Amino acid sequence: MHQQPRVAAFGALAASALLALSACSGGGSDDASSAAGKSAAGKETKKGTSSSGSPGSKSTSSPSAAAGRSTGGSDTAQAVTSKVEVSIKSCQLRDASKLFAVVQLDNANGAADYAYTVKVRFLNSAHPDQAVYTTLTHQPVQAGAMKSALASAAWKGDSAAMPKTCEVAKATKVKTAG
């Protein structure tokens, strides 16, 4: 009976620690080009599959992703070109095979609510052909708000080609009703 609350508390503590760590390790205004040269404060390497431009990992989204899809908003996706609106706060390695990126979604100056879809690329500049991709889908952000989202992927490839950095490969947003 006491096991479940401990597990839930530990999971919440681990998630908040990861977000706190990522907030300390990166600036909030990183853009895709500066994030490409950034590693997770000396974290070694990361594993993954060679994907040569096609998605090589599963999509990751928050529990609120389904809510973002059912908001009844516009179906027309707009490309996000602002490096302030969608940026990478940090890239990290966990357990020698999991890649994590904390993505900052900034709709603070927005006039409407949006659901963001962000494709994140994990890469090693010495082996750009072995990049790993993951996608955050339908991340809702209200007008005037900011949100951080956690993207993850697995690495199962050659240790010499393990990704060391990450960047925003593509980002779109869809106006939601609200």
N, C-alpha and C. Protein backbone atom coordinates (compact mmCIF):
# COMPACT_ATOMS: atom_id res chain seq x y z
N MET A 1 0.81 -1.20 0.00
CA MET A 1 0.00 0.00 0.00
C MET A 1 0.86 1.26 0.00
N HIS A 2 1.99 1.18 0.69
CA HIS A 2 2.87 2.35 0.74
C HIS A 2 3.80 2.41 -0.46
N GLN A 3 3.87 1.33 -1.23
CA GLN A 3 4.77 1.28 -2.38
C GLN A 3 4.38 2.25 -3.48
N GLN A 4 3.11 2.33 -3.84
CA GLN A 4 2.69 3.20 -4.93
C GLN A 4 2.96 4.67 -4.66
N PRO A 5 2.64 5.22 -3.49
CA PRO A 5 2.95 6.63 -3.27
C PRO A 5 4.44 6.93 -3.36
N ARG A 6 5.28 5.99 -2.90
CA ARG A 6 6.73 6.21 -2.98
C ARG A 6 7.18 6.24 -4.44
N VAL A 7 6.67 5.32 -5.23
CA VAL A 7 7.04 5.27 -6.65
C VAL A 7 6.58 6.55 -7.35
N ALA A 8 5.36 6.97 -7.09
CA ALA A 8 4.84 8.20 -7.70
C ALA A 8 5.64 9.41 -7.25
N ALA A 9 5.97 9.46 -5.97
CA ALA A 9 6.75 10.59 -5.46
C ALA A 9 8.14 10.59 -6.06
N PHE A 10 8.75 9.40 -6.20
CA PHE A 10 10.08 9.33 -6.79
C PHE A 10 10.05 9.78 -8.25
N GLY A 11 9.03 9.36 -9.00
CA GLY A 11 8.91 9.77 -10.40
C GLY A 11 8.76 11.27 -10.54
N ALA A 12 7.93 11.86 -9.67
CA ALA A 12 7.75 13.31 -9.71
C ALA A 12 9.03 14.02 -9.32
N LEU A 13 9.75 13.48 -8.32
CA LEU A 13 11.01 14.08 -7.89
C LEU A 13 12.05 13.99 -9.00
N ALA A 14 12.13 12.84 -9.67
CA ALA A 14 13.09 12.67 -10.76
C ALA A 14 12.79 13.63 -11.91
N ALA A 15 11.52 13.79 -12.26
CA ALA A 15 11.15 14.70 -13.34
C ALA A 15 11.47 16.14 -12.98
N SER A 16 11.19 16.54 -11.74
CA SER A 16 11.48 17.93 -11.36
C SER A 16 12.98 18.16 -11.27
N ALA A 17 13.74 17.14 -10.84
CA ALA A 17 15.20 17.28 -10.78
C ALA A 17 15.78 17.44 -12.18
N LEU A 18 15.25 16.68 -13.14
CA LEU A 18 15.73 16.78 -14.52
C LEU A 18 15.45 18.17 -15.08
N LEU A 19 14.26 18.68 -14.84
CA LEU A 19 13.93 20.02 -15.33
C LEU A 19 14.76 21.09 -14.64
N ALA A 20 15.01 20.93 -13.33
CA ALA A 20 15.84 21.90 -12.61
C ALA A 20 17.27 21.86 -13.13
N LEU A 21 17.78 20.66 -13.36
CA LEU A 21 19.12 20.52 -13.89
C LEU A 21 19.23 21.14 -15.27
N SER A 22 18.24 20.92 -16.10
CA SER A 22 18.28 21.47 -17.45
C SER A 22 18.16 22.99 -17.43
N ALA A 23 17.42 23.53 -16.48
CA ALA A 23 17.30 24.98 -16.39
C ALA A 23 18.63 25.60 -16.00
N CYS A 24 19.41 24.90 -15.19
CA CYS A 24 20.71 25.41 -14.78
C CYS A 24 21.76 25.25 -15.86
N SER A 25 21.62 24.22 -16.70
CA SER A 25 22.67 23.92 -17.66
C SER A 25 22.54 24.66 -18.98
N GLY A 26 21.43 25.33 -19.23
CA GLY A 26 21.28 26.01 -20.51
C GLY A 26 20.50 27.29 -20.37
N GLY A 27 20.77 28.23 -21.28
CA GLY A 27 20.02 29.48 -21.29
C GLY A 27 18.69 29.29 -21.97
N GLY A 28 17.72 30.10 -21.62
CA GLY A 28 16.39 29.97 -22.18
C GLY A 28 16.28 30.45 -23.61
N SER A 29 17.28 31.14 -24.13
CA SER A 29 17.16 31.69 -25.47
C SER A 29 18.07 30.99 -26.47
N ASP A 30 18.44 29.73 -26.19
CA ASP A 30 19.24 28.98 -27.14
C ASP A 30 18.46 28.78 -28.42
N ASP A 31 19.16 28.77 -29.54
CA ASP A 31 18.49 28.47 -30.79
C ASP A 31 19.08 27.21 -31.37
N ALA A 32 18.53 26.76 -32.47
CA ALA A 32 18.96 25.50 -33.04
C ALA A 32 20.43 25.52 -33.42
N SER A 33 20.94 26.63 -33.94
CA SER A 33 22.33 26.66 -34.36
C SER A 33 23.28 26.66 -33.18
N SER A 34 22.94 27.33 -32.09
CA SER A 34 23.82 27.32 -30.94
C SER A 34 23.67 26.02 -30.16
N ALA A 35 22.51 25.40 -30.20
CA ALA A 35 22.30 24.14 -29.50
C ALA A 35 23.10 23.03 -30.16
N ALA A 36 23.35 23.15 -31.45
CA ALA A 36 24.09 22.11 -32.15
C ALA A 36 25.51 22.00 -31.63
N GLY A 37 26.08 23.07 -31.11
CA GLY A 37 27.42 23.05 -30.58
C GLY A 37 27.47 22.79 -29.10
N LYS A 38 26.38 22.44 -28.49
CA LYS A 38 26.27 22.32 -27.05
C LYS A 38 26.15 20.86 -26.65
N SER A 39 26.87 20.43 -25.64
CA SER A 39 26.64 19.11 -25.08
C SER A 39 26.18 19.28 -23.66
N ALA A 40 25.78 18.21 -23.06
CA ALA A 40 25.22 18.27 -21.71
C ALA A 40 26.35 18.30 -20.69
N ALA A 41 27.05 19.38 -20.61
CA ALA A 41 28.06 19.64 -19.60
C ALA A 41 29.01 18.45 -19.44
N GLY A 42 29.61 18.02 -20.54
CA GLY A 42 30.59 16.96 -20.48
C GLY A 42 30.00 15.56 -20.42
N LYS A 43 28.75 15.40 -20.62
CA LYS A 43 28.16 14.06 -20.65
C LYS A 43 28.82 13.34 -21.81
N GLU A 44 29.11 12.07 -21.60
CA GLU A 44 29.85 11.36 -22.62
C GLU A 44 29.09 11.24 -23.92
N THR A 45 28.75 10.06 -24.24
CA THR A 45 28.18 9.81 -25.55
C THR A 45 26.82 9.18 -25.43
N LYS A 46 26.18 9.04 -26.54
CA LYS A 46 24.81 8.54 -26.54
C LYS A 46 24.65 7.50 -27.63
N LYS A 47 23.77 6.55 -27.41
CA LYS A 47 23.54 5.47 -28.38
C LYS A 47 22.30 5.71 -29.20
N GLY A 48 22.23 5.11 -30.39
CA GLY A 48 21.02 5.22 -31.22
C GLY A 48 21.16 4.46 -32.52
N THR A 49 20.16 4.48 -33.33
CA THR A 49 20.21 3.78 -34.60
C THR A 49 20.49 4.76 -35.73
N SER A 50 21.15 4.27 -36.74
CA SER A 50 21.40 5.10 -37.90
C SER A 50 20.10 5.32 -38.64
N SER A 51 19.82 6.57 -38.95
CA SER A 51 18.53 6.81 -39.60
C SER A 51 18.64 7.60 -40.88
N SER A 52 19.78 8.14 -41.19
CA SER A 52 20.02 8.84 -42.45
C SER A 52 18.87 9.72 -42.90
N GLY A 53 18.35 10.53 -41.99
CA GLY A 53 17.34 11.50 -42.36
C GLY A 53 15.92 11.06 -42.10
N SER A 54 15.68 9.79 -41.84
CA SER A 54 14.32 9.37 -41.54
C SER A 54 14.21 9.14 -40.04
N PRO A 55 13.03 9.29 -39.49
CA PRO A 55 12.89 9.13 -38.05
C PRO A 55 13.38 7.75 -37.60
N GLY A 56 14.29 7.74 -36.62
CA GLY A 56 14.86 6.50 -36.15
C GLY A 56 14.42 6.14 -34.76
N SER A 57 13.44 6.83 -34.23
CA SER A 57 12.98 6.52 -32.88
C SER A 57 11.51 6.83 -32.75
N LYS A 58 10.96 6.38 -31.65
CA LYS A 58 9.54 6.59 -31.44
C LYS A 58 9.24 8.04 -31.10
N SER A 59 8.03 8.45 -31.34
CA SER A 59 7.59 9.79 -30.98
C SER A 59 7.31 9.83 -29.49
N THR A 60 7.59 10.96 -28.90
CA THR A 60 7.36 11.14 -27.48
C THR A 60 6.46 12.35 -27.31
N SER A 61 5.45 12.21 -26.50
CA SER A 61 4.60 13.35 -26.22
C SER A 61 4.08 13.27 -24.81
N SER A 62 3.60 14.36 -24.32
CA SER A 62 3.10 14.42 -22.95
C SER A 62 1.69 13.88 -22.87
N PRO A 63 1.22 13.60 -21.65
CA PRO A 63 -0.17 13.15 -21.51
C PRO A 63 -1.16 14.18 -22.01
N SER A 64 -0.77 15.43 -22.06
CA SER A 64 -1.68 16.47 -22.52
C SER A 64 -1.73 16.57 -24.04
N ALA A 65 -0.96 15.72 -24.73
CA ALA A 65 -0.95 15.78 -26.19
C ALA A 65 -2.32 15.47 -26.78
N ALA A 66 -3.00 14.50 -26.22
CA ALA A 66 -4.33 14.15 -26.73
C ALA A 66 -5.28 15.32 -26.54
N ALA A 67 -5.15 16.03 -25.45
CA ALA A 67 -6.01 17.19 -25.21
C ALA A 67 -5.74 18.27 -26.25
N GLY A 68 -4.48 18.43 -26.67
CA GLY A 68 -4.15 19.43 -27.68
C GLY A 68 -4.76 19.10 -29.02
N ARG A 69 -4.90 17.81 -29.32
CA ARG A 69 -5.47 17.39 -30.59
C ARG A 69 -6.97 17.60 -30.64
N SER A 70 -7.61 17.55 -29.50
CA SER A 70 -9.06 17.60 -29.49
C SER A 70 -9.61 18.98 -29.16
N THR A 71 -8.80 20.01 -29.33
CA THR A 71 -9.25 21.35 -28.98
C THR A 71 -10.06 22.01 -30.08
N GLY A 72 -10.12 21.42 -31.25
CA GLY A 72 -10.96 21.95 -32.31
C GLY A 72 -10.37 23.15 -33.02
N GLY A 73 -9.05 23.28 -33.02
CA GLY A 73 -8.42 24.43 -33.64
C GLY A 73 -8.24 24.25 -35.13
N SER A 74 -7.53 25.17 -35.74
CA SER A 74 -7.25 25.15 -37.16
C SER A 74 -6.37 23.96 -37.51
N ASP A 75 -6.54 23.40 -38.69
CA ASP A 75 -5.73 22.27 -39.12
C ASP A 75 -4.51 22.72 -39.92
N THR A 76 -4.34 24.00 -40.17
CA THR A 76 -3.24 24.50 -40.97
C THR A 76 -2.02 24.72 -40.10
N ALA A 77 -0.98 23.93 -40.34
CA ALA A 77 0.26 24.06 -39.57
C ALA A 77 1.10 25.18 -40.15
N GLN A 78 1.62 26.03 -39.28
CA GLN A 78 2.52 27.11 -39.67
C GLN A 78 3.93 26.73 -39.25
N ALA A 79 4.91 26.94 -40.12
CA ALA A 79 6.30 26.70 -39.75
C ALA A 79 6.72 27.73 -38.71
N VAL A 80 7.46 27.28 -37.71
CA VAL A 80 7.98 28.18 -36.70
C VAL A 80 9.40 28.54 -37.10
N THR A 81 9.65 29.80 -37.36
CA THR A 81 10.98 30.24 -37.76
C THR A 81 11.71 30.98 -36.66
N SER A 82 11.01 31.41 -35.63
CA SER A 82 11.62 32.13 -34.53
C SER A 82 12.42 31.17 -33.64
N LYS A 83 13.69 31.47 -33.46
CA LYS A 83 14.53 30.65 -32.60
C LYS A 83 14.28 30.94 -31.13
N VAL A 84 13.52 31.96 -30.84
CA VAL A 84 13.12 32.25 -29.47
C VAL A 84 11.86 31.45 -29.14
N GLU A 85 10.98 31.30 -30.12
CA GLU A 85 9.70 30.62 -29.89
C GLU A 85 9.88 29.13 -29.60
N VAL A 86 10.80 28.47 -30.30
CA VAL A 86 11.10 27.06 -30.06
C VAL A 86 12.61 26.91 -29.98
N SER A 87 13.11 26.44 -28.84
CA SER A 87 14.55 26.30 -28.66
C SER A 87 14.87 25.10 -27.79
N ILE A 88 16.13 24.69 -27.81
CA ILE A 88 16.60 23.60 -26.97
C ILE A 88 17.26 24.21 -25.74
N LYS A 89 16.80 23.80 -24.56
CA LYS A 89 17.41 24.28 -23.32
C LYS A 89 18.59 23.41 -22.94
N SER A 90 18.51 22.10 -23.14
CA SER A 90 19.64 21.22 -22.82
C SER A 90 19.48 19.87 -23.50
N CYS A 91 20.62 19.20 -23.66
CA CYS A 91 20.68 17.84 -24.18
C CYS A 91 21.40 17.00 -23.13
N GLN A 92 20.89 15.80 -22.87
CA GLN A 92 21.51 14.97 -21.84
C GLN A 92 21.46 13.50 -22.21
N LEU A 93 22.35 12.73 -21.57
CA LEU A 93 22.41 11.28 -21.72
C LEU A 93 22.06 10.65 -20.38
N ARG A 94 21.23 9.63 -20.40
CA ARG A 94 20.88 8.88 -19.20
C ARG A 94 21.05 7.39 -19.50
N ASP A 95 21.62 6.66 -18.58
CA ASP A 95 21.76 5.20 -18.66
C ASP A 95 22.48 4.75 -19.93
N ALA A 96 23.34 5.54 -20.48
CA ALA A 96 24.18 5.21 -21.63
C ALA A 96 23.43 4.84 -22.91
N SER A 97 22.11 4.94 -22.92
CA SER A 97 21.40 4.62 -24.15
C SER A 97 20.18 5.50 -24.39
N LYS A 98 19.83 6.37 -23.48
CA LYS A 98 18.68 7.25 -23.64
C LYS A 98 19.17 8.68 -23.87
N LEU A 99 18.64 9.31 -24.89
CA LEU A 99 18.95 10.70 -25.22
C LEU A 99 17.76 11.55 -24.79
N PHE A 100 18.04 12.67 -24.14
CA PHE A 100 16.98 13.57 -23.70
C PHE A 100 17.28 14.99 -24.16
N ALA A 101 16.25 15.71 -24.54
CA ALA A 101 16.37 17.13 -24.86
C ALA A 101 15.21 17.85 -24.19
N VAL A 102 15.51 18.95 -23.52
CA VAL A 102 14.47 19.79 -22.95
C VAL A 102 14.20 20.89 -23.96
N VAL A 103 12.98 20.93 -24.49
CA VAL A 103 12.59 21.88 -25.52
C VAL A 103 11.76 22.98 -24.88
N GLN A 104 12.15 24.23 -25.12
CA GLN A 104 11.42 25.40 -24.59
C GLN A 104 10.46 25.90 -25.66
N LEU A 105 9.18 25.97 -25.32
CA LEU A 105 8.15 26.50 -26.22
C LEU A 105 7.70 27.83 -25.63
N ASP A 106 7.93 28.92 -26.35
CA ASP A 106 7.67 30.26 -25.83
C ASP A 106 6.57 30.94 -26.65
N ASN A 107 5.39 31.01 -26.08
CA ASN A 107 4.26 31.69 -26.71
C ASN A 107 3.90 32.93 -25.89
N ALA A 108 4.90 33.50 -25.19
CA ALA A 108 4.67 34.64 -24.30
C ALA A 108 4.15 35.86 -25.05
N ASN A 109 4.57 36.04 -26.29
CA ASN A 109 4.12 37.19 -27.07
C ASN A 109 3.03 36.81 -28.06
N GLY A 110 2.53 35.60 -27.96
CA GLY A 110 1.51 35.13 -28.89
C GLY A 110 0.14 35.72 -28.60
N ALA A 111 -0.62 35.91 -29.66
CA ALA A 111 -1.98 36.45 -29.53
C ALA A 111 -3.02 35.34 -29.49
N ALA A 112 -2.58 34.09 -29.68
CA ALA A 112 -3.52 32.96 -29.70
C ALA A 112 -2.86 31.75 -29.05
N ASP A 113 -3.68 30.76 -28.71
CA ASP A 113 -3.18 29.49 -28.19
C ASP A 113 -2.71 28.64 -29.37
N TYR A 114 -1.59 27.94 -29.19
CA TYR A 114 -1.05 27.08 -30.25
C TYR A 114 -0.71 25.71 -29.70
N ALA A 115 -0.75 24.71 -30.57
CA ALA A 115 -0.23 23.37 -30.30
C ALA A 115 1.00 23.22 -31.18
N TYR A 116 2.14 22.95 -30.55
CA TYR A 116 3.41 22.85 -31.26
C TYR A 116 3.77 21.40 -31.53
N THR A 117 4.40 21.16 -32.68
CA THR A 117 5.00 19.88 -33.01
C THR A 117 6.45 20.17 -33.33
N VAL A 118 7.36 19.50 -32.63
CA VAL A 118 8.79 19.79 -32.76
C VAL A 118 9.54 18.49 -33.03
N LYS A 119 10.32 18.49 -34.12
CA LYS A 119 11.18 17.36 -34.46
C LYS A 119 12.58 17.70 -33.96
N VAL A 120 13.12 16.85 -33.09
CA VAL A 120 14.44 17.08 -32.49
C VAL A 120 15.43 16.10 -33.11
N ARG A 121 16.61 16.63 -33.47
CA ARG A 121 17.68 15.81 -34.04
C ARG A 121 18.81 15.69 -33.03
N PHE A 122 19.19 14.46 -32.68
CA PHE A 122 20.35 14.19 -31.84
C PHE A 122 21.47 13.79 -32.79
N LEU A 123 22.64 14.44 -32.67
CA LEU A 123 23.68 14.17 -33.64
C LEU A 123 25.08 14.27 -33.07
N ASN A 124 26.00 13.68 -33.80
CA ASN A 124 27.43 13.78 -33.54
C ASN A 124 28.00 14.40 -34.81
N SER A 125 28.63 15.56 -34.68
CA SER A 125 29.09 16.28 -35.88
C SER A 125 30.10 15.48 -36.69
N ALA A 126 30.79 14.54 -36.08
CA ALA A 126 31.72 13.69 -36.82
C ALA A 126 31.00 12.59 -37.60
N HIS A 127 29.74 12.33 -37.25
CA HIS A 127 28.95 11.29 -37.92
C HIS A 127 27.54 11.82 -38.20
N PRO A 128 27.40 12.86 -39.03
CA PRO A 128 26.08 13.46 -39.24
C PRO A 128 25.08 12.53 -39.92
N ASP A 129 25.55 11.50 -40.59
CA ASP A 129 24.65 10.56 -41.27
C ASP A 129 23.98 9.59 -40.29
N GLN A 130 24.40 9.59 -39.03
CA GLN A 130 23.82 8.68 -38.05
C GLN A 130 23.01 9.42 -36.99
N ALA A 131 22.36 10.48 -37.39
CA ALA A 131 21.52 11.25 -36.47
C ALA A 131 20.28 10.44 -36.08
N VAL A 132 19.75 10.74 -34.91
CA VAL A 132 18.53 10.11 -34.41
C VAL A 132 17.50 11.21 -34.22
N TYR A 133 16.27 10.93 -34.63
CA TYR A 133 15.19 11.92 -34.55
C TYR A 133 14.09 11.45 -33.61
N THR A 134 13.46 12.38 -32.96
CA THR A 134 12.24 12.11 -32.20
C THR A 134 11.33 13.33 -32.34
N THR A 135 10.05 13.12 -32.16
CA THR A 135 9.09 14.21 -32.37
C THR A 135 8.19 14.39 -31.15
N LEU A 136 8.09 15.62 -30.71
CA LEU A 136 7.10 16.01 -29.71
C LEU A 136 5.89 16.46 -30.49
N THR A 137 4.74 15.87 -30.25
CA THR A 137 3.56 16.22 -31.02
C THR A 137 2.50 16.91 -30.18
N HIS A 138 1.85 17.87 -30.79
CA HIS A 138 0.69 18.56 -30.23
C HIS A 138 0.91 19.01 -28.79
N GLN A 139 1.95 19.81 -28.56
CA GLN A 139 2.23 20.36 -27.24
C GLN A 139 1.48 21.68 -27.10
N PRO A 140 0.39 21.72 -26.34
CA PRO A 140 -0.41 22.95 -26.23
C PRO A 140 0.27 24.00 -25.36
N VAL A 141 0.29 25.25 -25.84
CA VAL A 141 0.82 26.38 -25.07
C VAL A 141 -0.15 27.54 -25.23
N GLN A 142 -0.64 28.05 -24.12
CA GLN A 142 -1.59 29.15 -24.16
C GLN A 142 -0.89 30.45 -24.54
N ALA A 143 -1.65 31.38 -25.08
CA ALA A 143 -1.13 32.71 -25.40
C ALA A 143 -0.60 33.33 -24.12
N GLY A 144 0.57 33.94 -24.20
CA GLY A 144 1.18 34.58 -23.04
C GLY A 144 1.92 33.63 -22.11
N ALA A 145 2.11 32.38 -22.52
CA ALA A 145 2.74 31.39 -21.64
C ALA A 145 3.97 30.76 -22.30
N MET A 146 4.76 30.11 -21.46
CA MET A 146 5.91 29.33 -21.91
C MET A 146 5.78 27.93 -21.32
N LYS A 147 6.40 26.96 -21.99
CA LYS A 147 6.33 25.58 -21.52
C LYS A 147 7.60 24.86 -21.90
N SER A 148 8.07 23.98 -21.04
CA SER A 148 9.18 23.10 -21.37
C SER A 148 8.62 21.70 -21.58
N ALA A 149 9.17 21.00 -22.56
CA ALA A 149 8.74 19.63 -22.85
C ALA A 149 9.98 18.76 -23.00
N LEU A 150 9.87 17.52 -22.61
CA LEU A 150 10.99 16.59 -22.64
C LEU A 150 10.86 15.65 -23.83
N ALA A 151 11.87 15.66 -24.71
CA ALA A 151 11.92 14.75 -25.85
C ALA A 151 12.96 13.68 -25.55
N SER A 152 12.69 12.45 -25.94
CA SER A 152 13.65 11.38 -25.69
C SER A 152 13.74 10.43 -26.88
N ALA A 153 14.89 9.79 -26.98
CA ALA A 153 15.12 8.80 -28.02
C ALA A 153 16.12 7.78 -27.49
N ALA A 154 16.19 6.63 -28.13
CA ALA A 154 17.14 5.58 -27.73
C ALA A 154 18.27 5.50 -28.75
N TRP A 155 19.47 5.11 -28.27
CA TRP A 155 20.63 4.94 -29.14
C TRP A 155 21.09 3.50 -29.04
N LYS A 156 21.24 2.84 -30.20
CA LYS A 156 21.68 1.44 -30.22
C LYS A 156 22.82 1.24 -31.21
N GLY A 157 23.41 2.30 -31.67
CA GLY A 157 24.44 2.20 -32.70
C GLY A 157 25.85 2.15 -32.16
N ASP A 158 26.79 2.41 -33.03
CA ASP A 158 28.21 2.39 -32.74
C ASP A 158 28.56 3.46 -31.71
N SER A 159 29.34 3.10 -30.71
CA SER A 159 29.68 4.06 -29.65
C SER A 159 30.49 5.24 -30.17
N ALA A 160 31.25 5.06 -31.24
CA ALA A 160 32.03 6.16 -31.80
C ALA A 160 31.14 7.23 -32.43
N ALA A 161 29.94 6.84 -32.84
CA ALA A 161 29.03 7.78 -33.51
C ALA A 161 27.93 8.29 -32.59
N MET A 162 28.04 8.02 -31.30
CA MET A 162 26.99 8.45 -30.36
C MET A 162 26.76 9.95 -30.44
N PRO A 163 25.50 10.37 -30.50
CA PRO A 163 25.21 11.81 -30.53
C PRO A 163 25.74 12.53 -29.30
N LYS A 164 26.23 13.74 -29.52
CA LYS A 164 26.75 14.56 -28.44
C LYS A 164 25.95 15.85 -28.28
N THR A 165 25.17 16.20 -29.28
CA THR A 165 24.39 17.45 -29.25
C THR A 165 22.99 17.19 -29.79
N CYS A 166 22.16 18.20 -29.67
CA CYS A 166 20.82 18.10 -30.26
C CYS A 166 20.41 19.47 -30.77
N GLU A 167 19.44 19.47 -31.67
CA GLU A 167 18.96 20.71 -32.25
C GLU A 167 17.52 20.53 -32.71
N VAL A 168 16.85 21.65 -32.95
CA VAL A 168 15.50 21.61 -33.51
C VAL A 168 15.65 21.38 -35.01
N ALA A 169 15.13 20.26 -35.49
CA ALA A 169 15.20 19.96 -36.92
C ALA A 169 14.06 20.65 -37.66
N LYS A 170 12.87 20.68 -37.03
CA LYS A 170 11.70 21.30 -37.64
C LYS A 170 10.69 21.58 -36.54
N ALA A 171 9.99 22.68 -36.67
CA ALA A 171 8.93 23.01 -35.71
C ALA A 171 7.76 23.63 -36.44
N THR A 172 6.56 23.21 -36.06
CA THR A 172 5.34 23.79 -36.60
C THR A 172 4.38 24.07 -35.46
N LYS A 173 3.41 24.92 -35.73
CA LYS A 173 2.38 25.20 -34.73
C LYS A 173 1.03 25.29 -35.42
N VAL A 174 0.00 24.92 -34.68
CA VAL A 174 -1.37 24.96 -35.16
C VAL A 174 -2.18 25.75 -34.15
N LYS A 175 -2.93 26.73 -34.63
CA LYS A 175 -3.77 27.53 -33.75
C LYS A 175 -4.87 26.65 -33.18
N THR A 176 -5.07 26.74 -31.87
CA THR A 176 -6.11 25.95 -31.22
C THR A 176 -7.24 26.85 -30.77
N ALA A 177 -8.41 26.27 -30.63
CA ALA A 177 -9.56 27.04 -30.15
C ALA A 177 -9.37 27.31 -28.66
N GLY A 178 -9.67 28.50 -28.25
CA GLY A 178 -9.51 28.77 -26.82
C GLY A 178 -9.43 30.14 -26.53
